[in-house]
C-alpha atoms as a PDB file:
ATOM      1  CA  MET A   1      -3.674 -56.129 -12.767  1.00  0.00           C
ATOM      2  CA  ARG A   2      -3.995 -52.948 -10.700  1.00  0.00           C
ATOM      3  CA  VAL A   3      -7.610 -52.210  -9.793  1.00  0.00           C
ATOM      4  CA  ALA A   4      -8.895 -49.082  -8.042  1.00  0.00           C
ATOM      5  CA  PHE A   5     -12.220 -48.371  -6.409  1.00  0.00           C
ATOM      6  CA  VAL A   6     -13.349 -45.171  -8.094  1.00  0.00           C
ATOM      7  CA  SER A   7     -16.387 -42.917  -7.887  1.00  0.00           C
ATOM      8  CA  GLY A   8     -15.471 -39.853  -9.927  1.00  0.00           C
ATOM      9  CA  GLY A   9     -14.800 -37.965  -6.682  1.00  0.00           C
ATOM     10  CA  LYS A  10     -11.637 -36.255  -5.488  1.00  0.00           C
ATOM     11  CA  ASP A  11     -10.253 -38.746  -2.948  1.00  0.00           C
ATOM     12  CA  SER A  12     -10.478 -41.904  -5.061  1.00  0.00           C
ATOM     13  CA  TYR A  13      -9.038 -39.852  -7.946  1.00  0.00           C
ATOM     14  CA  TYR A  14      -6.133 -38.613  -5.830  1.00  0.00           C
ATOM     15  CA  ALA A  15      -5.443 -42.130  -4.535  1.00  0.00           C
ATOM     16  CA  VAL A  16      -4.976 -43.324  -8.130  1.00  0.00           C
ATOM     17  CA  TYR A  17      -2.780 -40.320  -8.872  1.00  0.00           C
ATOM     18  CA  LYS A  18      -0.597 -40.864  -5.804  1.00  0.00           C
ATOM     19  CA  TYR A  19      -0.328 -44.591  -6.447  1.00  0.00           C
ATOM     20  CA  GLY A  20       0.844 -43.941  -9.980  1.00  0.00           C
ATOM     21  CA  GLY A  21      -1.968 -45.202 -12.186  1.00  0.00           C
ATOM     22  CA  VAL A  22      -4.134 -48.307 -12.478  1.00  0.00           C
ATOM     23  CA  ASP A  23      -5.307 -50.704 -15.185  1.00  0.00           C
ATOM     24  CA  LEU A  24      -8.998 -50.711 -14.266  1.00  0.00           C
ATOM     25  CA  GLY A  25     -11.430 -48.729 -12.162  1.00  0.00           C
ATOM     26  CA  VAL A  26     -14.373 -50.384 -10.407  1.00  0.00           C
ATOM     27  CA  MET A  27     -17.428 -48.267  -9.607  1.00  0.00           C
ATOM     28  CA  LEU A  28     -19.915 -49.903  -7.236  1.00  0.00           C
ATOM     29  CA  VAL A  29     -23.579 -48.911  -7.088  1.00  0.00           C
ATOM     30  CA  TYR A  30     -25.209 -49.564  -3.714  1.00  0.00           C
ATOM     31  CA  ASP A  31     -28.901 -50.027  -2.949  1.00  0.00           C
ATOM     32  CA  PHE A  32     -29.297 -47.271  -0.357  1.00  0.00           C
ATOM     33  CA  PRO A  33     -32.484 -45.311   0.480  1.00  0.00           C
ATOM     34  CA  ARG A  34     -30.713 -42.126  -0.611  1.00  0.00           C
ATOM     35  CA  PRO A  35     -28.851 -42.439  -3.898  1.00  0.00           C
ATOM     36  CA  SER A  36     -25.201 -41.526  -4.119  1.00  0.00           C
ATOM     37  CA  PRO A  37     -24.472 -38.218  -5.866  1.00  0.00           C
ATOM     38  CA  HIS A  38     -22.051 -40.219  -8.013  1.00  0.00           C
ATOM     39  CA  THR A  39     -24.838 -42.579  -9.086  1.00  0.00           C
ATOM     40  CA  VAL A  40     -27.240 -39.721  -9.833  1.00  0.00           C
ATOM     41  CA  ASN A  41     -24.481 -38.262 -12.000  1.00  0.00           C
ATOM     42  CA  ILE A  42     -23.061 -41.568 -13.207  1.00  0.00           C
ATOM     43  CA  GLY A  43     -22.769 -40.356 -16.796  1.00  0.00           C
ATOM     44  CA  LYS A  44     -20.520 -37.483 -15.775  1.00  0.00           C
ATOM     45  CA  SER A  45     -18.614 -39.661 -13.298  1.00  0.00           C
ATOM     46  CA  LEU A  46     -17.783 -42.111 -16.081  1.00  0.00           C
ATOM     47  CA  GLU A  47     -16.971 -39.293 -18.496  1.00  0.00           C
ATOM     48  CA  SER A  48     -14.470 -37.880 -16.027  1.00  0.00           C
ATOM     49  CA  LEU A  49     -12.757 -41.228 -15.471  1.00  0.00           C
ATOM     50  CA  LEU A  50     -12.645 -42.062 -19.166  1.00  0.00           C
ATOM     51  CA  ALA A  51     -11.060 -38.660 -19.804  1.00  0.00           C
ATOM     52  CA  CYS A  52      -8.204 -40.009 -17.671  1.00  0.00           C
ATOM     53  CA  SER A  53      -7.936 -43.106 -19.891  1.00  0.00           C
ATOM     54  CA  ILE A  54      -9.123 -45.279 -16.999  1.00  0.00           C
ATOM     55  CA  PRO A  55     -11.445 -48.064 -18.200  1.00  0.00           C
ATOM     56  CA  VAL A  56     -14.265 -48.536 -15.694  1.00  0.00           C
ATOM     57  CA  LEU A  57     -16.371 -51.523 -14.700  1.00  0.00           C
ATOM     58  CA  VAL A  58     -19.712 -50.613 -13.082  1.00  0.00           C
ATOM     59  CA  ALA A  59     -21.483 -53.138 -10.859  1.00  0.00           C
ATOM     60  CA  LYS A  60     -24.762 -52.845  -8.938  1.00  0.00           C
ATOM     61  CA  LEU A  61     -24.733 -54.638  -5.594  1.00  0.00           C
ATOM     62  CA  SER A  62     -27.629 -56.322  -3.824  1.00  0.00           C
ATOM     63  CA  LYS A  63     -28.595 -54.977  -0.403  1.00  0.00           C
ATOM     64  CA  GLY A  64     -27.141 -57.160   2.323  1.00  0.00           C
ATOM     65  CA  ARG A  65     -24.747 -58.942  -0.048  1.00  0.00           C
ATOM     66  CA  GLU A  66     -22.373 -56.086  -0.825  1.00  0.00           C
ATOM     67  CA  PHE A  67     -19.217 -57.747   0.500  1.00  0.00           C
ATOM     68  CA  GLU A  68     -19.864 -61.159  -1.076  1.00  0.00           C
ATOM     69  CA  GLU A  69     -20.752 -59.720  -4.478  1.00  0.00           C
ATOM     70  CA  THR A  70     -17.766 -57.369  -4.459  1.00  0.00           C
ATOM     71  CA  ALA A  71     -15.437 -60.230  -3.574  1.00  0.00           C
ATOM     72  CA  ASP A  72     -16.932 -62.453  -6.293  1.00  0.00           C
ATOM     73  CA  LEU A  73     -16.508 -59.683  -8.865  1.00  0.00           C
ATOM     74  CA  LEU A  74     -12.878 -59.072  -7.937  1.00  0.00           C
ATOM     75  CA  LYS A  75     -12.061 -62.786  -7.963  1.00  0.00           C
ATOM     76  CA  ARG A  76     -13.098 -62.878 -11.621  1.00  0.00           C
ATOM     77  CA  ILE A  77     -10.763 -59.961 -12.360  1.00  0.00           C
ATOM     78  CA  SER A  78      -7.891 -61.398 -10.272  1.00  0.00           C
ATOM     79  CA  PRO A  79      -6.182 -58.116  -9.328  1.00  0.00           C
ATOM     80  CA  THR A  80      -2.677 -58.246  -7.913  1.00  0.00           C
ATOM     81  CA  ILE A  81      -3.387 -55.025  -6.011  1.00  0.00           C
ATOM     82  CA  ILE A  82      -6.431 -53.012  -4.984  1.00  0.00           C
ATOM     83  CA  VAL A  83      -6.124 -49.237  -4.637  1.00  0.00           C
ATOM     84  CA  ALA A  84      -8.551 -47.326  -2.404  1.00  0.00           C
ATOM     85  CA  GLY A  85      -8.842 -43.752  -1.153  1.00  0.00           C
ATOM     86  CA  ASP A  86      -9.614 -44.112   2.557  1.00  0.00           C
ATOM     87  CA  VAL A  87      -8.099 -41.496   4.847  1.00  0.00           C
ATOM     88  CA  TYR A  88      -8.867 -42.058   8.526  1.00  0.00           C
ATOM     89  CA  VAL A  89     -12.089 -44.048   9.070  1.00  0.00           C
ATOM     90  CA  GLU A  90     -10.881 -47.297  10.645  1.00  0.00           C
ATOM     91  CA  ASP A  91     -13.986 -49.301   9.698  1.00  0.00           C
ATOM     92  CA  HIS A  92     -13.409 -48.458   6.025  1.00  0.00           C
ATOM     93  CA  LEU A  93      -9.796 -49.607   6.212  1.00  0.00           C
ATOM     94  CA  LYS A  94     -10.709 -52.850   7.993  1.00  0.00           C
ATOM     95  CA  TYR A  95     -13.368 -53.575   5.357  1.00  0.00           C
ATOM     96  CA  MET A  96     -10.835 -53.111   2.565  1.00  0.00           C
ATOM     97  CA  GLU A  97      -8.251 -55.261   4.365  1.00  0.00           C
ATOM     98  CA  ARG A  98     -10.850 -58.000   4.781  1.00  0.00           C
ATOM     99  CA  LEU A  99     -11.793 -57.754   1.107  1.00  0.00           C
ATOM    100  CA  ALA A 100      -8.177 -57.915  -0.076  1.00  0.00           C
ATOM    101  CA  LYS A 101      -7.539 -60.952   2.116  1.00  0.00           C
ATOM    102  CA  ALA A 102     -10.680 -62.697   0.800  1.00  0.00           C
ATOM    103  CA  ILE A 103      -9.503 -62.434  -2.814  1.00  0.00           C
ATOM    104  CA  GLY A 104      -5.785 -62.901  -2.193  1.00  0.00           C
ATOM    105  CA  SER A 105      -4.771 -59.399  -3.286  1.00  0.00           C
ATOM    106  CA  ASP A 106      -2.511 -56.736  -1.845  1.00  0.00           C
ATOM    107  CA  LEU A 107      -4.076 -53.458  -0.711  1.00  0.00           C
ATOM    108  CA  ALA A 108      -2.739 -49.956  -1.324  1.00  0.00           C
ATOM    109  CA  GLU A 109      -4.187 -47.012   0.615  1.00  0.00           C
ATOM    110  CA  PRO A 110      -2.055 -44.049  -0.543  1.00  0.00           C
ATOM    111  CA  LEU A 111      -4.045 -41.466   1.435  1.00  0.00           C
ATOM    112  CA  TRP A 112      -4.254 -43.316   4.723  1.00  0.00           C
ATOM    113  CA  SER A 113      -3.283 -41.335   7.862  1.00  0.00           C
ATOM    114  CA  TYR A 114      -3.044 -37.960   6.088  1.00  0.00           C
ATOM    115  CA  ASP A 115      -4.365 -35.016   8.049  1.00  0.00           C
ATOM    116  CA  PRO A 116      -7.683 -34.357   6.262  1.00  0.00           C
ATOM    117  CA  VAL A 117      -7.220 -30.613   5.864  1.00  0.00           C
ATOM    118  CA  GLU A 118      -3.629 -31.012   4.676  1.00  0.00           C
ATOM    119  CA  LEU A 119      -4.823 -33.643   2.206  1.00  0.00           C
ATOM    120  CA  LEU A 120      -7.514 -31.342   0.818  1.00  0.00           C
ATOM    121  CA  TYR A 121      -4.934 -28.596   0.257  1.00  0.00           C
ATOM    122  CA  ARG A 122      -2.603 -31.092  -1.442  1.00  0.00           C
ATOM    123  CA  GLU A 123      -5.354 -32.283  -3.778  1.00  0.00           C
ATOM    124  CA  ILE A 124      -6.199 -28.765  -4.904  1.00  0.00           C
ATOM    125  CA  ARG A 125      -2.551 -27.693  -5.076  1.00  0.00           C
ATOM    126  CA  ASP A 126      -1.803 -30.668  -7.344  1.00  0.00           C
ATOM    127  CA  GLY A 127      -4.397 -29.504  -9.837  1.00  0.00           C
ATOM    128  CA  ILE A 128      -7.559 -31.431  -8.953  1.00  0.00           C
ATOM    129  CA  ARG A 129     -10.699 -29.406  -9.675  1.00  0.00           C
ATOM    130  CA  PRO A 130     -13.624 -31.009  -7.823  1.00  0.00           C
ATOM    131  CA  VAL A 131     -17.153 -29.635  -8.185  1.00  0.00           C
ATOM    132  CA  ILE A 132     -19.442 -30.263  -5.213  1.00  0.00           C
ATOM    133  CA  ILE A 133     -22.391 -32.410  -6.345  1.00  0.00           C
ATOM    134  CA  GLY A 134     -23.857 -33.456  -2.996  1.00  0.00           C
ATOM    135  CA  ALA A 135     -23.910 -31.829   0.430  1.00  0.00           C
ATOM    136  CA  VAL A 136     -25.515 -31.778   3.860  1.00  0.00           C
ATOM    137  CA  ASP A 137     -27.773 -28.815   4.574  1.00  0.00           C
ATOM    138  CA  SER A 138     -25.008 -26.772   6.202  1.00  0.00           C
ATOM    139  CA  LEU A 139     -22.962 -26.940   2.969  1.00  0.00           C
ATOM    140  CA  LYS A 140     -25.842 -26.654   0.504  1.00  0.00           C
ATOM    141  CA  GLY A 141     -24.688 -23.168  -0.520  1.00  0.00           C
ATOM    142  CA  TYR A 142     -21.600 -24.772  -2.084  1.00  0.00           C
ATOM    143  CA  LEU A 143     -23.507 -27.065  -4.449  1.00  0.00           C
ATOM    144  CA  GLY A 144     -22.188 -26.577  -7.960  1.00  0.00           C
ATOM    145  CA  LYS A 145     -19.083 -24.728  -6.814  1.00  0.00           C
ATOM    146  CA  THR A 146     -15.613 -25.948  -7.753  1.00  0.00           C
ATOM    147  CA  LEU A 147     -12.981 -26.086  -5.030  1.00  0.00           C
ATOM    148  CA  THR A 148     -10.134 -23.885  -6.219  1.00  0.00           C
ATOM    149  CA  PRO A 149      -7.029 -22.455  -4.537  1.00  0.00           C
ATOM    150  CA  ASP A 150      -8.694 -19.028  -4.327  1.00  0.00           C
ATOM    151  CA  MET A 151     -11.684 -20.187  -2.281  1.00  0.00           C
ATOM    152  CA  LEU A 152     -10.222 -23.133  -0.375  1.00  0.00           C
ATOM    153  CA  GLU A 153      -9.261 -21.239   2.792  1.00  0.00           C
ATOM    154  CA  GLU A 154     -12.768 -19.804   3.080  1.00  0.00           C
ATOM    155  CA  PHE A 155     -14.330 -23.245   2.495  1.00  0.00           C
ATOM    156  CA  VAL A 156     -12.167 -24.881   5.181  1.00  0.00           C
ATOM    157  CA  ARG A 157     -12.935 -22.104   7.656  1.00  0.00           C
ATOM    158  CA  TYR A 158     -16.677 -22.296   7.018  1.00  0.00           C
ATOM    159  CA  SER A 159     -16.706 -26.109   7.229  1.00  0.00           C
ATOM    160  CA  ARG A 160     -15.109 -25.931  10.647  1.00  0.00           C
ATOM    161  CA  THR A 161     -17.643 -23.370  11.888  1.00  0.00           C
ATOM    162  CA  VAL A 162     -20.512 -25.754  11.012  1.00  0.00           C
ATOM    163  CA  ASN A 163     -18.649 -28.757  12.490  1.00  0.00           C
ATOM    164  CA  VAL A 164     -18.064 -30.524   9.183  1.00  0.00           C
ATOM    165  CA  ASP A 165     -14.880 -32.297   8.123  1.00  0.00           C
ATOM    166  CA  PRO A 166     -13.482 -30.048   5.349  1.00  0.00           C
ATOM    167  CA  LEU A 167     -12.417 -33.186   3.467  1.00  0.00           C
ATOM    168  CA  GLY A 168     -15.900 -34.712   3.677  1.00  0.00           C
ATOM    169  CA  GLU A 169     -14.582 -38.099   4.804  1.00  0.00           C
ATOM    170  CA  HIS A 170     -17.882 -38.975   6.492  1.00  0.00           C
ATOM    171  CA  GLY A 171     -19.909 -38.163   3.386  1.00  0.00           C
ATOM    172  CA  GLU A 172     -20.728 -34.576   4.381  1.00  0.00           C
ATOM    173  CA  TYR A 173     -20.236 -33.689   0.745  1.00  0.00           C
ATOM    174  CA  HIS A 174     -19.314 -35.442  -2.497  1.00  0.00           C
ATOM    175  CA  THR A 175     -17.510 -34.170  -5.557  1.00  0.00           C
ATOM    176  CA  LEU A 176     -17.002 -34.794  -9.241  1.00  0.00           C
ATOM    177  CA  VAL A 177     -13.505 -34.151 -10.590  1.00  0.00           C
ATOM    178  CA  SER A 178     -13.903 -32.015 -13.700  1.00  0.00           C
ATOM    179  CA  ASP A 179     -10.167 -31.716 -14.338  1.00  0.00           C
ATOM    180  CA  GLY A 180      -6.883 -32.797 -12.831  1.00  0.00           C
ATOM    181  CA  PRO A 181      -3.403 -34.182 -13.421  1.00  0.00           C
ATOM    182  CA  LEU A 182      -4.721 -37.519 -14.743  1.00  0.00           C
ATOM    183  CA  HIS A 183      -7.092 -35.912 -17.243  1.00  0.00           C
ATOM    184  CA  LYS A 184      -6.164 -35.771 -20.909  1.00  0.00           C
ATOM    185  CA  GLN A 185      -8.676 -32.930 -21.047  1.00  0.00           C
ATOM    186  CA  GLY A 186     -11.184 -31.484 -18.603  1.00  0.00           C
ATOM    187  CA  ILE A 187     -14.899 -32.202 -18.856  1.00  0.00           C
ATOM    188  CA  SER A 188     -17.673 -29.642 -19.112  1.00  0.00           C
ATOM    189  CA  PHE A 189     -20.884 -29.775 -17.092  1.00  0.00           C
ATOM    190  CA  ARG A 190     -24.124 -27.891 -16.582  1.00  0.00           C
ATOM    191  CA  PRO A 191     -26.393 -28.033 -13.496  1.00  0.00           C
ATOM    192  CA  VAL A 192     -29.999 -28.918 -14.318  1.00  0.00           C
ATOM    193  CA  GLY A 193     -31.585 -29.293 -10.893  1.00  0.00           C
ATOM    194  CA  VAL A 194     -31.283 -30.093  -7.206  1.00  0.00           C
ATOM    195  CA  GLU A 195     -32.869 -33.111  -5.531  1.00  0.00           C
ATOM    196  CA  ASP A 196     -33.451 -32.952  -1.767  1.00  0.00           C
ATOM    197  CA  PHE A 197     -33.332 -35.998   0.510  1.00  0.00           C
ATOM    198  CA  ASP A 198     -34.109 -35.091   4.127  1.00  0.00           C
ATOM    199  CA  SER A 199     -30.991 -33.168   5.225  1.00  0.00           C
ATOM    200  CA  TYR A 200     -28.945 -33.874   2.092  1.00  0.00           C
ATOM    201  CA  SER A 201     -29.110 -32.349  -1.383  1.00  0.00           C
ATOM    202  CA  ILE A 202     -27.809 -33.664  -4.706  1.00  0.00           C
ATOM    203  CA  LEU A 203     -27.023 -31.557  -7.749  1.00  0.00           C
ATOM    204  CA  ARG A 204     -27.842 -33.171 -11.086  1.00  0.00           C
ATOM    205  CA  LEU A 205     -25.457 -32.355 -13.923  1.00  0.00           C
ATOM    206  CA  ILE A 206     -25.446 -32.883 -17.659  1.00  0.00           C
END
């Protein structure tokens, strides 16, 4: 059983693509003061993943018990391998290694140690079409825009001028993959509003 942590965003999507496919996706919902853009748009996130023929299990985690509940959930599934889309944040990798050890599974991190800008170019070059659904204030002008080859250079340049990782590895922005190499067909979407949370904004789609 090959299980991937998925969100509907570009990096978890690309990790599955680079690994070569999985049997099940797991989407975790955390109890944070600011909701995840993926949770706000969970219907579209699931629609995108299902369009890739990836069955998805959604689980809401209790605050303060995230690790224990995730481990308990995975033990019931008994995966032989866990696939995740971490790139360079060491704490994220250590957390996943600890989780894999706790459940007796192997861990695959296909994107680990990539240069973040090179990785972003690879994702777009390989046909991923991510629409930005959440962003810090400095990137708010990109909400609702799809990262395409034509505008990628300008996006990377602007991100660097405002001191933001162009890949968004620290959560500076989040995306929803509307189409890509795993999709049987792309999904449509329509923006219906923007919700502001301090210095972060989330686009709601239908």
